[in-house]
């Protein structure tokens, strides 16, 4: 499953979208963070601190928007950075894949070689739960922002949730932009094959709605 509705268009977008992914799963993120390590200063494309892990974990990401596959030399160098920085895991994210030697260099290490699509698939389950918890907690008070009917918006919280969950438009709840639909997508046990989840998660409008909701948090 994809978190984003499109692929990055250049290296800046690859860094920004990687940072957004880690932010949305609950990490503290810095894009372009400079770290002091034993061999000097190194700029990390995306630095993420996961305070939800026990103990807190640090993830480093190297974003490669290249026209050719990443060679093993890059992997060896990044593995050293991950180790010297004391990070718990490293990700090299490439839009053009990796040479076979690169996979050999990463074998049995804490460095993952992934495309941006694979990164999304890796974190999708955690992302949908984190976003569901964040958004569902406030969606009741933000129904008017998302175009719900005045009648439903005026109801008490519990009644409003029931009303929006049962009012449909072409088979999709009027709360499809977040309320009941996101709650369903968050806790559904069969997301990959669920038609309702697929229609909701792949709908690009959710991200615009999220921007509205996030201002109210």
C-alpha atoms as a PDB file:
ATOM      1  CA  UNK A   1       0.000   0.000   0.000  1.00  0.00           C
ATOM      2  CA  UNK A   2       1.158   3.530  -0.762  1.00  0.00           C
ATOM      3  CA  UNK A   3       1.129   6.450   1.647  1.00  0.00           C
ATOM      4  CA  UNK A   4       1.587   9.099  -1.035  1.00  0.00           C
ATOM      5  CA  UNK A   5      -0.461   9.456  -4.208  1.00  0.00           C
ATOM      6  CA  UNK A   6       2.601  10.170  -6.378  1.00  0.00           C
ATOM      7  CA  UNK A   7       6.329   9.565  -6.628  1.00  0.00           C
ATOM      8  CA  UNK A   8       8.923  12.278  -5.820  1.00  0.00           C
ATOM      9  CA  UNK A   9       9.849  14.402  -8.823  1.00  0.00           C
ATOM     10  CA  UNK A  10      13.431  15.250  -7.833  1.00  0.00           C
ATOM     11  CA  UNK A  11      15.932  14.824  -4.993  1.00  0.00           C
ATOM     12  CA  UNK A  12      14.453  17.665  -2.965  1.00  0.00           C
ATOM     13  CA  UNK A  13      11.014  16.065  -3.069  1.00  0.00           C
ATOM     14  CA  UNK A  14      12.494  12.670  -2.206  1.00  0.00           C
ATOM     15  CA  UNK A  15      14.043  14.153   0.925  1.00  0.00           C
ATOM     16  CA  UNK A  16      10.943  16.164   1.828  1.00  0.00           C
ATOM     17  CA  UNK A  17       8.525  13.257   1.331  1.00  0.00           C
ATOM     18  CA  UNK A  18      10.770  10.891   3.280  1.00  0.00           C
ATOM     19  CA  UNK A  19      10.833  13.425   6.106  1.00  0.00           C
ATOM     20  CA  UNK A  20       7.052  13.772   5.942  1.00  0.00           C
ATOM     21  CA  UNK A  21       6.620  10.002   6.156  1.00  0.00           C
ATOM     22  CA  UNK A  22       8.679   9.778   9.334  1.00  0.00           C
ATOM     23  CA  UNK A  23       6.916  12.829  10.775  1.00  0.00           C
ATOM     24  CA  UNK A  24       3.498  11.299  10.180  1.00  0.00           C
ATOM     25  CA  UNK A  25       4.419   8.069  11.985  1.00  0.00           C
ATOM     26  CA  UNK A  26       5.336  10.165  15.023  1.00  0.00           C
ATOM     27  CA  UNK A  27       9.082  10.800  14.755  1.00  0.00           C
ATOM     28  CA  UNK A  28      10.963  14.028  15.377  1.00  0.00           C
ATOM     29  CA  UNK A  29      12.475  14.834  11.985  1.00  0.00           C
ATOM     30  CA  UNK A  30      15.176  17.099  10.620  1.00  0.00           C
ATOM     31  CA  UNK A  31      15.910  17.242   6.885  1.00  0.00           C
ATOM     32  CA  UNK A  32      19.530  18.121   6.137  1.00  0.00           C
ATOM     33  CA  UNK A  33      20.809  17.665   9.693  1.00  0.00           C
ATOM     34  CA  UNK A  34      24.543  18.009  10.274  1.00  0.00           C
ATOM     35  CA  UNK A  35      26.001  15.452  12.678  1.00  0.00           C
ATOM     36  CA  UNK A  36      29.377  15.486  14.382  1.00  0.00           C
ATOM     37  CA  UNK A  37      30.857  11.984  14.099  1.00  0.00           C
ATOM     38  CA  UNK A  38      34.348  10.591  14.697  1.00  0.00           C
ATOM     39  CA  UNK A  39      35.445  11.325  11.124  1.00  0.00           C
ATOM     40  CA  UNK A  40      34.154  14.904  11.117  1.00  0.00           C
ATOM     41  CA  UNK A  41      30.868  16.524  10.173  1.00  0.00           C
ATOM     42  CA  UNK A  42      28.363  14.669   7.993  1.00  0.00           C
ATOM     43  CA  UNK A  43      25.104  16.053   6.603  1.00  0.00           C
ATOM     44  CA  UNK A  44      22.264  13.544   6.876  1.00  0.00           C
ATOM     45  CA  UNK A  45      19.504  13.818   4.290  1.00  0.00           C
ATOM     46  CA  UNK A  46      16.758  12.837   6.758  1.00  0.00           C
ATOM     47  CA  UNK A  47      17.339  12.387  10.495  1.00  0.00           C
ATOM     48  CA  UNK A  48      14.472  10.880  12.493  1.00  0.00           C
ATOM     49  CA  UNK A  49      14.253  10.251  16.237  1.00  0.00           C
ATOM     50  CA  UNK A  50      11.553   7.752  17.196  1.00  0.00           C
ATOM     51  CA  UNK A  51      10.500   8.519  20.767  1.00  0.00           C
ATOM     52  CA  UNK A  52       7.726   5.922  20.571  1.00  0.00           C
ATOM     53  CA  UNK A  53      10.302   3.122  20.509  1.00  0.00           C
ATOM     54  CA  UNK A  54      11.694   1.782  23.781  1.00  0.00           C
ATOM     55  CA  UNK A  55      14.379   2.941  24.158  1.00  0.00           C
ATOM     56  CA  UNK A  56      14.078   5.832  21.658  1.00  0.00           C
ATOM     57  CA  UNK A  57      15.616   4.992  18.279  1.00  0.00           C
ATOM     58  CA  UNK A  58      17.412   7.064  15.646  1.00  0.00           C
ATOM     59  CA  UNK A  59      16.944   6.442  11.908  1.00  0.00           C
ATOM     60  CA  UNK A  60      19.206   7.950   9.245  1.00  0.00           C
ATOM     61  CA  UNK A  61      18.119   8.148   5.609  1.00  0.00           C
ATOM     62  CA  UNK A  62      20.266   8.786   2.536  1.00  0.00           C
ATOM     63  CA  UNK A  63      18.161   9.813  -0.483  1.00  0.00           C
ATOM     64  CA  UNK A  64      19.564   9.070  -3.953  1.00  0.00           C
ATOM     65  CA  UNK A  65      17.575  10.468  -6.873  1.00  0.00           C
ATOM     66  CA  UNK A  66      19.997   9.201  -9.498  1.00  0.00           C
ATOM     67  CA  UNK A  67      19.785   7.965 -13.073  1.00  0.00           C
ATOM     68  CA  UNK A  68      21.829   4.858 -12.248  1.00  0.00           C
ATOM     69  CA  UNK A  69      21.663   2.184  -9.555  1.00  0.00           C
ATOM     70  CA  UNK A  70      23.486   2.893  -6.307  1.00  0.00           C
ATOM     71  CA  UNK A  71      26.891   1.079  -6.103  1.00  0.00           C
ATOM     72  CA  UNK A  72      28.317  -0.781  -3.136  1.00  0.00           C
ATOM     73  CA  UNK A  73      30.780   2.019  -2.296  1.00  0.00           C
ATOM     74  CA  UNK A  74      27.889   4.234  -1.241  1.00  0.00           C
ATOM     75  CA  UNK A  75      26.551   1.491   0.996  1.00  0.00           C
ATOM     76  CA  UNK A  76      29.910   0.917   2.676  1.00  0.00           C
ATOM     77  CA  UNK A  77      30.300   4.657   3.340  1.00  0.00           C
ATOM     78  CA  UNK A  78      26.760   5.036   4.713  1.00  0.00           C
ATOM     79  CA  UNK A  79      27.093   1.976   6.952  1.00  0.00           C
ATOM     80  CA  UNK A  80      30.092   3.675   8.544  1.00  0.00           C
ATOM     81  CA  UNK A  81      28.086   6.867   9.125  1.00  0.00           C
ATOM     82  CA  UNK A  82      25.206   4.925  10.690  1.00  0.00           C
ATOM     83  CA  UNK A  83      27.618   3.155  13.019  1.00  0.00           C
ATOM     84  CA  UNK A  84      29.631   6.245  13.958  1.00  0.00           C
ATOM     85  CA  UNK A  85      26.457   8.236  14.632  1.00  0.00           C
ATOM     86  CA  UNK A  86      25.110   5.533  16.949  1.00  0.00           C
ATOM     87  CA  UNK A  87      21.950   5.233  14.859  1.00  0.00           C
ATOM     88  CA  UNK A  88      19.725   2.214  15.250  1.00  0.00           C
ATOM     89  CA  UNK A  89      18.853   1.873  11.572  1.00  0.00           C
ATOM     90  CA  UNK A  90      19.813   3.371   8.229  1.00  0.00           C
ATOM     91  CA  UNK A  91      17.895   3.606   4.978  1.00  0.00           C
ATOM     92  CA  UNK A  92      19.314   4.284   1.526  1.00  0.00           C
ATOM     93  CA  UNK A  93      16.380   5.277  -0.666  1.00  0.00           C
ATOM     94  CA  UNK A  94      16.997   5.093  -4.403  1.00  0.00           C
ATOM     95  CA  UNK A  95      14.682   5.871  -7.305  1.00  0.00           C
ATOM     96  CA  UNK A  96      16.916   3.853  -9.691  1.00  0.00           C
ATOM     97  CA  UNK A  97      17.551   0.771  -7.575  1.00  0.00           C
ATOM     98  CA  UNK A  98      20.851  -0.754  -6.498  1.00  0.00           C
ATOM     99  CA  UNK A  99      23.713  -2.717  -7.990  1.00  0.00           C
ATOM    100  CA  UNK A 100      24.009  -6.325  -6.882  1.00  0.00           C
ATOM    101  CA  UNK A 101      27.173  -5.524  -4.965  1.00  0.00           C
ATOM    102  CA  UNK A 102      25.245  -2.967  -2.919  1.00  0.00           C
ATOM    103  CA  UNK A 103      22.869  -5.645  -1.635  1.00  0.00           C
ATOM    104  CA  UNK A 104      25.831  -7.798  -0.710  1.00  0.00           C
ATOM    105  CA  UNK A 105      27.362  -4.888   1.184  1.00  0.00           C
ATOM    106  CA  UNK A 106      24.143  -4.370   3.157  1.00  0.00           C
ATOM    107  CA  UNK A 107      23.555  -8.027   3.981  1.00  0.00           C
ATOM    108  CA  UNK A 108      23.260  -8.768   7.727  1.00  0.00           C
ATOM    109  CA  UNK A 109      23.562  -5.079   8.644  1.00  0.00           C
ATOM    110  CA  UNK A 110      21.175  -2.487  10.081  1.00  0.00           C
ATOM    111  CA  UNK A 111      21.057  -0.645   6.737  1.00  0.00           C
ATOM    112  CA  UNK A 112      18.086  -1.203   4.399  1.00  0.00           C
ATOM    113  CA  UNK A 113      18.256  -0.579   0.650  1.00  0.00           C
ATOM    114  CA  UNK A 114      14.820   0.438  -0.590  1.00  0.00           C
ATOM    115  CA  UNK A 115      12.919   2.358  -3.233  1.00  0.00           C
ATOM    116  CA  UNK A 116      10.531   5.040  -2.035  1.00  0.00           C
ATOM    117  CA  UNK A 117       7.639   2.675  -2.729  1.00  0.00           C
ATOM    118  CA  UNK A 118       9.236  -0.023  -0.577  1.00  0.00           C
ATOM    119  CA  UNK A 119       9.811   2.493   2.226  1.00  0.00           C
ATOM    120  CA  UNK A 120       6.105   3.333   2.181  1.00  0.00           C
ATOM    121  CA  UNK A 121       5.149  -0.341   2.278  1.00  0.00           C
ATOM    122  CA  UNK A 122       7.538  -0.920   5.191  1.00  0.00           C
ATOM    123  CA  UNK A 123       5.892   1.748   7.352  1.00  0.00           C
ATOM    124  CA  UNK A 124       2.328   1.660   6.021  1.00  0.00           C
ATOM    125  CA  UNK A 125       0.707  -0.215   8.925  1.00  0.00           C
ATOM    126  CA  UNK A 126       2.323   2.028  11.510  1.00  0.00           C
ATOM    127  CA  UNK A 127       1.466   5.125   9.464  1.00  0.00           C
ATOM    128  CA  UNK A 128      -2.245   4.358   9.163  1.00  0.00           C
ATOM    129  CA  UNK A 129      -2.546   3.677  12.895  1.00  0.00           C
ATOM    130  CA  UNK A 130      -0.619   6.837  13.828  1.00  0.00           C
ATOM    131  CA  UNK A 131      -2.610   9.015  11.423  1.00  0.00           C
ATOM    132  CA  UNK A 132      -5.876   7.428  12.511  1.00  0.00           C
ATOM    133  CA  UNK A 133      -5.190   8.130  16.167  1.00  0.00           C
ATOM    134  CA  UNK A 134      -4.113  11.702  15.440  1.00  0.00           C
ATOM    135  CA  UNK A 135      -6.986  12.593  13.166  1.00  0.00           C
ATOM    136  CA  UNK A 136      -9.850  10.664  14.732  1.00  0.00           C
ATOM    137  CA  UNK A 137      -9.163  12.345  18.066  1.00  0.00           C
ATOM    138  CA  UNK A 138     -10.098  15.735  16.588  1.00  0.00           C
ATOM    139  CA  UNK A 139     -12.261  14.898  13.565  1.00  0.00           C
ATOM    140  CA  UNK A 140     -15.483  15.444  15.522  1.00  0.00           C
ATOM    141  CA  UNK A 141     -14.657  19.076  16.240  1.00  0.00           C
ATOM    142  CA  UNK A 142     -13.485  19.697  12.673  1.00  0.00           C
ATOM    143  CA  UNK A 143     -16.431  18.224  10.756  1.00  0.00           C
ATOM    144  CA  UNK A 144     -17.563  21.717   9.638  1.00  0.00           C
ATOM    145  CA  UNK A 145     -14.117  22.325   8.097  1.00  0.00           C
ATOM    146  CA  UNK A 146     -14.469  19.221   5.976  1.00  0.00           C
ATOM    147  CA  UNK A 147     -17.825  20.057   4.412  1.00  0.00           C
ATOM    148  CA  UNK A 148     -20.170  17.979   6.577  1.00  0.00           C
ATOM    149  CA  UNK A 149     -23.806  19.023   6.766  1.00  0.00           C
ATOM    150  CA  UNK A 150     -24.845  21.759   9.201  1.00  0.00           C
ATOM    151  CA  UNK A 151     -27.412  19.379  10.652  1.00  0.00           C
ATOM    152  CA  UNK A 152     -24.802  16.795  11.600  1.00  0.00           C
ATOM    153  CA  UNK A 153     -22.258  19.382  12.722  1.00  0.00           C
ATOM    154  CA  UNK A 154     -24.758  20.737  15.265  1.00  0.00           C
ATOM    155  CA  UNK A 155     -25.228  17.348  16.939  1.00  0.00           C
ATOM    156  CA  UNK A 156     -23.428  16.341  20.144  1.00  0.00           C
ATOM    157  CA  UNK A 157     -20.164  14.465  19.504  1.00  0.00           C
ATOM    158  CA  UNK A 158     -21.505  10.910  19.983  1.00  0.00           C
ATOM    159  CA  UNK A 159     -24.629  11.497  17.893  1.00  0.00           C
ATOM    160  CA  UNK A 160     -22.643  13.332  15.228  1.00  0.00           C
ATOM    161  CA  UNK A 161     -20.283  10.375  14.822  1.00  0.00           C
ATOM    162  CA  UNK A 162     -23.191   7.956  14.402  1.00  0.00           C
ATOM    163  CA  UNK A 163     -24.934  10.263  11.936  1.00  0.00           C
ATOM    164  CA  UNK A 164     -21.910  10.796   9.723  1.00  0.00           C
ATOM    165  CA  UNK A 165     -21.062   7.115   9.820  1.00  0.00           C
ATOM    166  CA  UNK A 166     -24.502   6.146   8.505  1.00  0.00           C
ATOM    167  CA  UNK A 167     -25.133   8.936   5.993  1.00  0.00           C
ATOM    168  CA  UNK A 168     -23.900   7.778   2.600  1.00  0.00           C
ATOM    169  CA  UNK A 169     -23.258   9.249  -0.808  1.00  0.00           C
ATOM    170  CA  UNK A 170     -22.851   6.619  -3.488  1.00  0.00           C
ATOM    171  CA  UNK A 171     -21.973   4.032  -0.852  1.00  0.00           C
ATOM    172  CA  UNK A 172     -19.245   6.153   0.778  1.00  0.00           C
ATOM    173  CA  UNK A 173     -19.769   7.697   4.195  1.00  0.00           C
ATOM    174  CA  UNK A 174     -19.987  11.498   4.282  1.00  0.00           C
ATOM    175  CA  UNK A 175     -17.209  11.162   6.861  1.00  0.00           C
ATOM    176  CA  UNK A 176     -15.061   9.617   4.138  1.00  0.00           C
ATOM    177  CA  UNK A 177     -12.672  12.557   4.309  1.00  0.00           C
ATOM    178  CA  UNK A 178     -11.707  11.346   7.773  1.00  0.00           C
ATOM    179  CA  UNK A 179     -14.214  10.507  10.524  1.00  0.00           C
ATOM    180  CA  UNK A 180     -15.722   7.044  10.394  1.00  0.00           C
ATOM    181  CA  UNK A 181     -13.812   6.059   7.251  1.00  0.00           C
ATOM    182  CA  UNK A 182     -10.411   6.743   8.754  1.00  0.00           C
ATOM    183  CA  UNK A 183     -11.391   4.911  11.919  1.00  0.00           C
ATOM    184  CA  UNK A 184     -12.321   1.937   9.750  1.00  0.00           C
ATOM    185  CA  UNK A 185      -9.070   2.117   7.756  1.00  0.00           C
ATOM    186  CA  UNK A 186      -7.087   2.371  10.978  1.00  0.00           C
ATOM    187  CA  UNK A 187      -8.419  -0.778  12.587  1.00  0.00           C
ATOM    188  CA  UNK A 188      -9.422  -2.885   9.578  1.00  0.00           C
ATOM    189  CA  UNK A 189      -7.647  -6.255   9.626  1.00  0.00           C
ATOM    190  CA  UNK A 190      -7.749  -6.727   5.852  1.00  0.00           C
ATOM    191  CA  UNK A 191      -6.563  -3.402   4.437  1.00  0.00           C
ATOM    192  CA  UNK A 192      -4.863  -4.825   1.352  1.00  0.00           C
ATOM    193  CA  UNK A 193      -8.065  -6.442   0.051  1.00  0.00           C
ATOM    194  CA  UNK A 194     -10.695  -4.161   1.588  1.00  0.00           C
ATOM    195  CA  UNK A 195     -12.490  -2.079  -1.060  1.00  0.00           C
ATOM    196  CA  UNK A 196     -13.456   0.630   1.439  1.00  0.00           C
ATOM    197  CA  UNK A 197      -9.893   1.005   2.707  1.00  0.00           C
ATOM    198  CA  UNK A 198      -8.458   1.046  -0.795  1.00  0.00           C
ATOM    199  CA  UNK A 199     -10.841   3.776  -1.975  1.00  0.00           C
ATOM    200  CA  UNK A 200     -10.100   5.860   1.102  1.00  0.00           C
ATOM    201  CA  UNK A 201      -6.345   5.448   1.515  1.00  0.00           C
ATOM    202  CA  UNK A 202      -5.657   5.996  -2.182  1.00  0.00           C
ATOM    203  CA  UNK A 203      -7.829   9.120  -2.335  1.00  0.00           C
ATOM    204  CA  UNK A 204      -5.534  12.126  -2.757  1.00  0.00           C
ATOM    205  CA  UNK A 205      -8.073  14.418  -1.060  1.00  0.00           C
ATOM    206  CA  UNK A 206      -7.238  12.972   2.372  1.00  0.00           C
ATOM    207  CA  UNK A 207      -3.890  14.784   2.438  1.00  0.00           C
ATOM    208  CA  UNK A 208      -5.463  18.170   1.734  1.00  0.00           C
ATOM    209  CA  UNK A 209      -7.962  17.489   4.506  1.00  0.00           C
ATOM    210  CA  UNK A 210      -5.151  16.509   6.837  1.00  0.00           C
ATOM    211  CA  UNK A 211      -3.538  19.905   6.317  1.00  0.00           C
ATOM    212  CA  UNK A 212      -6.779  21.529   7.500  1.00  0.00           C
ATOM    213  CA  UNK A 213      -7.046  19.261  10.503  1.00  0.00           C
ATOM    214  CA  UNK A 214      -3.420  19.616  11.550  1.00  0.00           C
ATOM    215  CA  UNK A 215      -3.907  23.375  12.054  1.00  0.00           C
ATOM    216  CA  UNK A 216      -6.512  22.596  14.690  1.00  0.00           C
ATOM    217  CA  UNK A 217      -4.305  20.219  16.715  1.00  0.00           C
END
